[in-house]
């Protein structure tokens, strides 16, 4: 079977999400602008190839009226990581509510921290990686 891949740069999506403008009229307009590009006409599947995009996955599915398969790369990476941690006997199945979640990030914004806290439903710690002095 022949598979034809198309690529489309969407430079406004990640900053839009980081600033908290998802699930709003602004995000719907930006998503519509990008996904209306003729290069994506008649696609059967769309790969979400950015760590931010799962937060707008439903908006993207709505744009395509749930007729296009949305492939979430974050789920693929998470499942692979779970498999590797299991193989190495390092997987911790349960977490305690008071466990501190620590994330390493390449760039800090307050809105990203708020979005991450919203996503996980509790306070988290963000730390630059690599550690800059």
C-alpha atoms as a PDB file:
ATOM      1  CA  UNK A   1       0.000   0.000   0.000  1.00  0.00           C
ATOM      2  CA  UNK A   2       1.291   3.448  -0.887  1.00  0.00           C
ATOM      3  CA  UNK A   3       1.326   5.972   1.930  1.00  0.00           C
ATOM      4  CA  UNK A   4       1.699   9.612   1.081  1.00  0.00           C
ATOM      5  CA  UNK A   5       2.943  11.862   3.877  1.00  0.00           C
ATOM      6  CA  UNK A   6       2.479  15.602   4.029  1.00  0.00           C
ATOM      7  CA  UNK A   7       4.060  18.007   6.481  1.00  0.00           C
ATOM      8  CA  UNK A   8       2.722  21.366   7.566  1.00  0.00           C
ATOM      9  CA  UNK A   9       4.434  23.888   9.824  1.00  0.00           C
ATOM     10  CA  UNK A  10       2.090  25.323  12.466  1.00  0.00           C
ATOM     11  CA  UNK A  11       4.236  27.868  14.331  1.00  0.00           C
ATOM     12  CA  UNK A  12       1.370  29.540  16.221  1.00  0.00           C
ATOM     13  CA  UNK A  13      -0.055  26.388  17.831  1.00  0.00           C
ATOM     14  CA  UNK A  14       2.547  25.716  20.547  1.00  0.00           C
ATOM     15  CA  UNK A  15       2.741  29.350  21.766  1.00  0.00           C
ATOM     16  CA  UNK A  16      -1.065  29.559  21.654  1.00  0.00           C
ATOM     17  CA  UNK A  17      -1.306  26.506  23.907  1.00  0.00           C
ATOM     18  CA  UNK A  18       1.451  27.739  26.225  1.00  0.00           C
ATOM     19  CA  UNK A  19      -0.425  30.990  26.704  1.00  0.00           C
ATOM     20  CA  UNK A  20      -3.585  29.084  27.627  1.00  0.00           C
ATOM     21  CA  UNK A  21      -5.557  29.892  24.483  1.00  0.00           C
ATOM     22  CA  UNK A  22      -6.915  26.420  23.826  1.00  0.00           C
ATOM     23  CA  UNK A  23     -10.546  25.324  23.848  1.00  0.00           C
ATOM     24  CA  UNK A  24     -11.470  28.906  22.986  1.00  0.00           C
ATOM     25  CA  UNK A  25     -12.522  30.837  19.892  1.00  0.00           C
ATOM     26  CA  UNK A  26      -8.908  31.856  19.241  1.00  0.00           C
ATOM     27  CA  UNK A  27      -7.695  28.264  19.083  1.00  0.00           C
ATOM     28  CA  UNK A  28     -10.594  27.208  16.885  1.00  0.00           C
ATOM     29  CA  UNK A  29      -9.752  29.987  14.415  1.00  0.00           C
ATOM     30  CA  UNK A  30      -6.023  29.166  14.354  1.00  0.00           C
ATOM     31  CA  UNK A  31      -6.687  25.426  13.988  1.00  0.00           C
ATOM     32  CA  UNK A  32      -9.160  26.062  11.174  1.00  0.00           C
ATOM     33  CA  UNK A  33      -6.664  28.329   9.398  1.00  0.00           C
ATOM     34  CA  UNK A  34      -3.909  25.701   9.496  1.00  0.00           C
ATOM     35  CA  UNK A  35      -5.974  22.598   8.835  1.00  0.00           C
ATOM     36  CA  UNK A  36      -7.839  24.209   5.925  1.00  0.00           C
ATOM     37  CA  UNK A  37      -4.565  24.217   4.001  1.00  0.00           C
ATOM     38  CA  UNK A  38      -5.076  22.400   0.667  1.00  0.00           C
ATOM     39  CA  UNK A  39      -2.032  20.197   1.393  1.00  0.00           C
ATOM     40  CA  UNK A  40      -4.194  18.434   4.008  1.00  0.00           C
ATOM     41  CA  UNK A  41      -7.226  17.933   1.782  1.00  0.00           C
ATOM     42  CA  UNK A  42      -8.684  14.412   1.921  1.00  0.00           C
ATOM     43  CA  UNK A  43      -6.268  13.111   4.563  1.00  0.00           C
ATOM     44  CA  UNK A  44      -7.113   9.870   6.363  1.00  0.00           C
ATOM     45  CA  UNK A  45      -4.946  10.412   9.443  1.00  0.00           C
ATOM     46  CA  UNK A  46      -3.098  13.208  11.185  1.00  0.00           C
ATOM     47  CA  UNK A  47      -0.048  12.763  13.420  1.00  0.00           C
ATOM     48  CA  UNK A  48       0.202  15.115  16.396  1.00  0.00           C
ATOM     49  CA  UNK A  49       3.965  15.577  16.352  1.00  0.00           C
ATOM     50  CA  UNK A  50       4.397  18.084  19.161  1.00  0.00           C
ATOM     51  CA  UNK A  51       4.203  17.605  22.916  1.00  0.00           C
ATOM     52  CA  UNK A  52       1.665  20.452  23.143  1.00  0.00           C
ATOM     53  CA  UNK A  53      -0.851  19.143  20.623  1.00  0.00           C
ATOM     54  CA  UNK A  54      -2.640  16.544  22.768  1.00  0.00           C
ATOM     55  CA  UNK A  55      -4.190  19.519  24.587  1.00  0.00           C
ATOM     56  CA  UNK A  56      -5.988  20.469  21.352  1.00  0.00           C
ATOM     57  CA  UNK A  57      -6.599  16.927  20.115  1.00  0.00           C
ATOM     58  CA  UNK A  58     -10.374  17.176  20.577  1.00  0.00           C
ATOM     59  CA  UNK A  59     -10.519  20.527  18.791  1.00  0.00           C
ATOM     60  CA  UNK A  60      -8.637  18.975  15.867  1.00  0.00           C
ATOM     61  CA  UNK A  61     -10.956  15.948  15.866  1.00  0.00           C
ATOM     62  CA  UNK A  62     -13.948  18.314  15.910  1.00  0.00           C
ATOM     63  CA  UNK A  63     -12.534  20.209  12.923  1.00  0.00           C
ATOM     64  CA  UNK A  64     -12.460  16.938  10.963  1.00  0.00           C
ATOM     65  CA  UNK A  65     -15.879  15.941  12.366  1.00  0.00           C
ATOM     66  CA  UNK A  66     -14.174  12.863  13.880  1.00  0.00           C
ATOM     67  CA  UNK A  67     -13.695  11.375  10.382  1.00  0.00           C
ATOM     68  CA  UNK A  68      -9.872  11.559  10.393  1.00  0.00           C
ATOM     69  CA  UNK A  69      -7.782   9.308  12.616  1.00  0.00           C
ATOM     70  CA  UNK A  70      -5.752  11.437  15.021  1.00  0.00           C
ATOM     71  CA  UNK A  71      -2.451   9.748  15.975  1.00  0.00           C
ATOM     72  CA  UNK A  72      -1.196  11.091  19.280  1.00  0.00           C
ATOM     73  CA  UNK A  73       2.612  10.748  19.377  1.00  0.00           C
ATOM     74  CA  UNK A  74       2.614  11.419  23.130  1.00  0.00           C
ATOM     75  CA  UNK A  75       0.667   8.191  23.713  1.00  0.00           C
ATOM     76  CA  UNK A  76       3.076   6.251  21.516  1.00  0.00           C
ATOM     77  CA  UNK A  77       6.063   7.622  23.435  1.00  0.00           C
ATOM     78  CA  UNK A  78       4.378   7.021  26.826  1.00  0.00           C
ATOM     79  CA  UNK A  79       3.535   3.416  25.921  1.00  0.00           C
ATOM     80  CA  UNK A  80       7.089   2.796  24.701  1.00  0.00           C
ATOM     81  CA  UNK A  81       8.521   4.318  27.897  1.00  0.00           C
ATOM     82  CA  UNK A  82       6.188   2.191  30.024  1.00  0.00           C
ATOM     83  CA  UNK A  83       7.356  -0.919  28.159  1.00  0.00           C
ATOM     84  CA  UNK A  84      11.043  -0.047  28.683  1.00  0.00           C
ATOM     85  CA  UNK A  85      10.579   0.814  32.374  1.00  0.00           C
ATOM     86  CA  UNK A  86       8.733  -2.476  32.853  1.00  0.00           C
ATOM     87  CA  UNK A  87      11.550  -4.405  31.152  1.00  0.00           C
ATOM     88  CA  UNK A  88      14.071  -2.724  33.482  1.00  0.00           C
ATOM     89  CA  UNK A  89      11.843  -3.310  36.522  1.00  0.00           C
ATOM     90  CA  UNK A  90      11.715   0.458  37.131  1.00  0.00           C
ATOM     91  CA  UNK A  91       8.017   1.090  36.594  1.00  0.00           C
ATOM     92  CA  UNK A  92       6.258   2.535  39.628  1.00  0.00           C
ATOM     93  CA  UNK A  93       2.600   1.684  39.250  1.00  0.00           C
ATOM     94  CA  UNK A  94       1.167   3.704  42.126  1.00  0.00           C
ATOM     95  CA  UNK A  95       1.921   7.263  43.151  1.00  0.00           C
ATOM     96  CA  UNK A  96       1.064   8.826  46.446  1.00  0.00           C
ATOM     97  CA  UNK A  97      -0.953  12.035  46.375  1.00  0.00           C
ATOM     98  CA  UNK A  98       1.813  13.899  48.182  1.00  0.00           C
ATOM     99  CA  UNK A  99       4.473  12.788  45.703  1.00  0.00           C
ATOM    100  CA  UNK A 100       6.203  15.799  44.176  1.00  0.00           C
ATOM    101  CA  UNK A 101       6.059  15.784  40.401  1.00  0.00           C
ATOM    102  CA  UNK A 102       9.237  17.238  38.904  1.00  0.00           C
ATOM    103  CA  UNK A 103       9.564  18.040  35.205  1.00  0.00           C
ATOM    104  CA  UNK A 104      12.568  19.114  33.198  1.00  0.00           C
ATOM    105  CA  UNK A 105      11.820  21.690  30.525  1.00  0.00           C
ATOM    106  CA  UNK A 106      13.816  23.525  27.891  1.00  0.00           C
ATOM    107  CA  UNK A 107      12.013  26.850  28.393  1.00  0.00           C
ATOM    108  CA  UNK A 108       9.904  28.181  31.253  1.00  0.00           C
ATOM    109  CA  UNK A 109       6.752  30.232  30.966  1.00  0.00           C
ATOM    110  CA  UNK A 110       4.262  30.839  33.745  1.00  0.00           C
ATOM    111  CA  UNK A 111       1.373  29.881  31.474  1.00  0.00           C
ATOM    112  CA  UNK A 112       3.043  26.537  30.702  1.00  0.00           C
ATOM    113  CA  UNK A 113       3.366  25.878  34.420  1.00  0.00           C
ATOM    114  CA  UNK A 114      -0.322  26.710  34.911  1.00  0.00           C
ATOM    115  CA  UNK A 115      -1.310  24.436  32.021  1.00  0.00           C
ATOM    116  CA  UNK A 116       0.795  21.593  33.414  1.00  0.00           C
ATOM    117  CA  UNK A 117      -0.754  22.037  36.848  1.00  0.00           C
ATOM    118  CA  UNK A 118      -4.208  22.008  35.261  1.00  0.00           C
ATOM    119  CA  UNK A 119      -3.339  18.854  33.329  1.00  0.00           C
ATOM    120  CA  UNK A 120      -2.032  16.973  36.389  1.00  0.00           C
ATOM    121  CA  UNK A 121      -4.508  18.489  38.831  1.00  0.00           C
ATOM    122  CA  UNK A 122      -1.891  19.497  41.387  1.00  0.00           C
ATOM    123  CA  UNK A 123       1.225  21.571  41.983  1.00  0.00           C
ATOM    124  CA  UNK A 124       4.319  20.557  40.072  1.00  0.00           C
ATOM    125  CA  UNK A 125       7.949  21.624  39.961  1.00  0.00           C
ATOM    126  CA  UNK A 126       9.470  22.744  36.669  1.00  0.00           C
ATOM    127  CA  UNK A 127      13.230  22.863  36.245  1.00  0.00           C
ATOM    128  CA  UNK A 128      15.317  23.951  33.259  1.00  0.00           C
ATOM    129  CA  UNK A 129      17.177  21.182  31.484  1.00  0.00           C
ATOM    130  CA  UNK A 130      20.001  21.277  30.849  1.00  0.00           C
ATOM    131  CA  UNK A 131      20.550  23.035  34.124  1.00  0.00           C
ATOM    132  CA  UNK A 132      21.647  26.563  33.329  1.00  0.00           C
ATOM    133  CA  UNK A 133      23.538  28.698  35.756  1.00  0.00           C
END
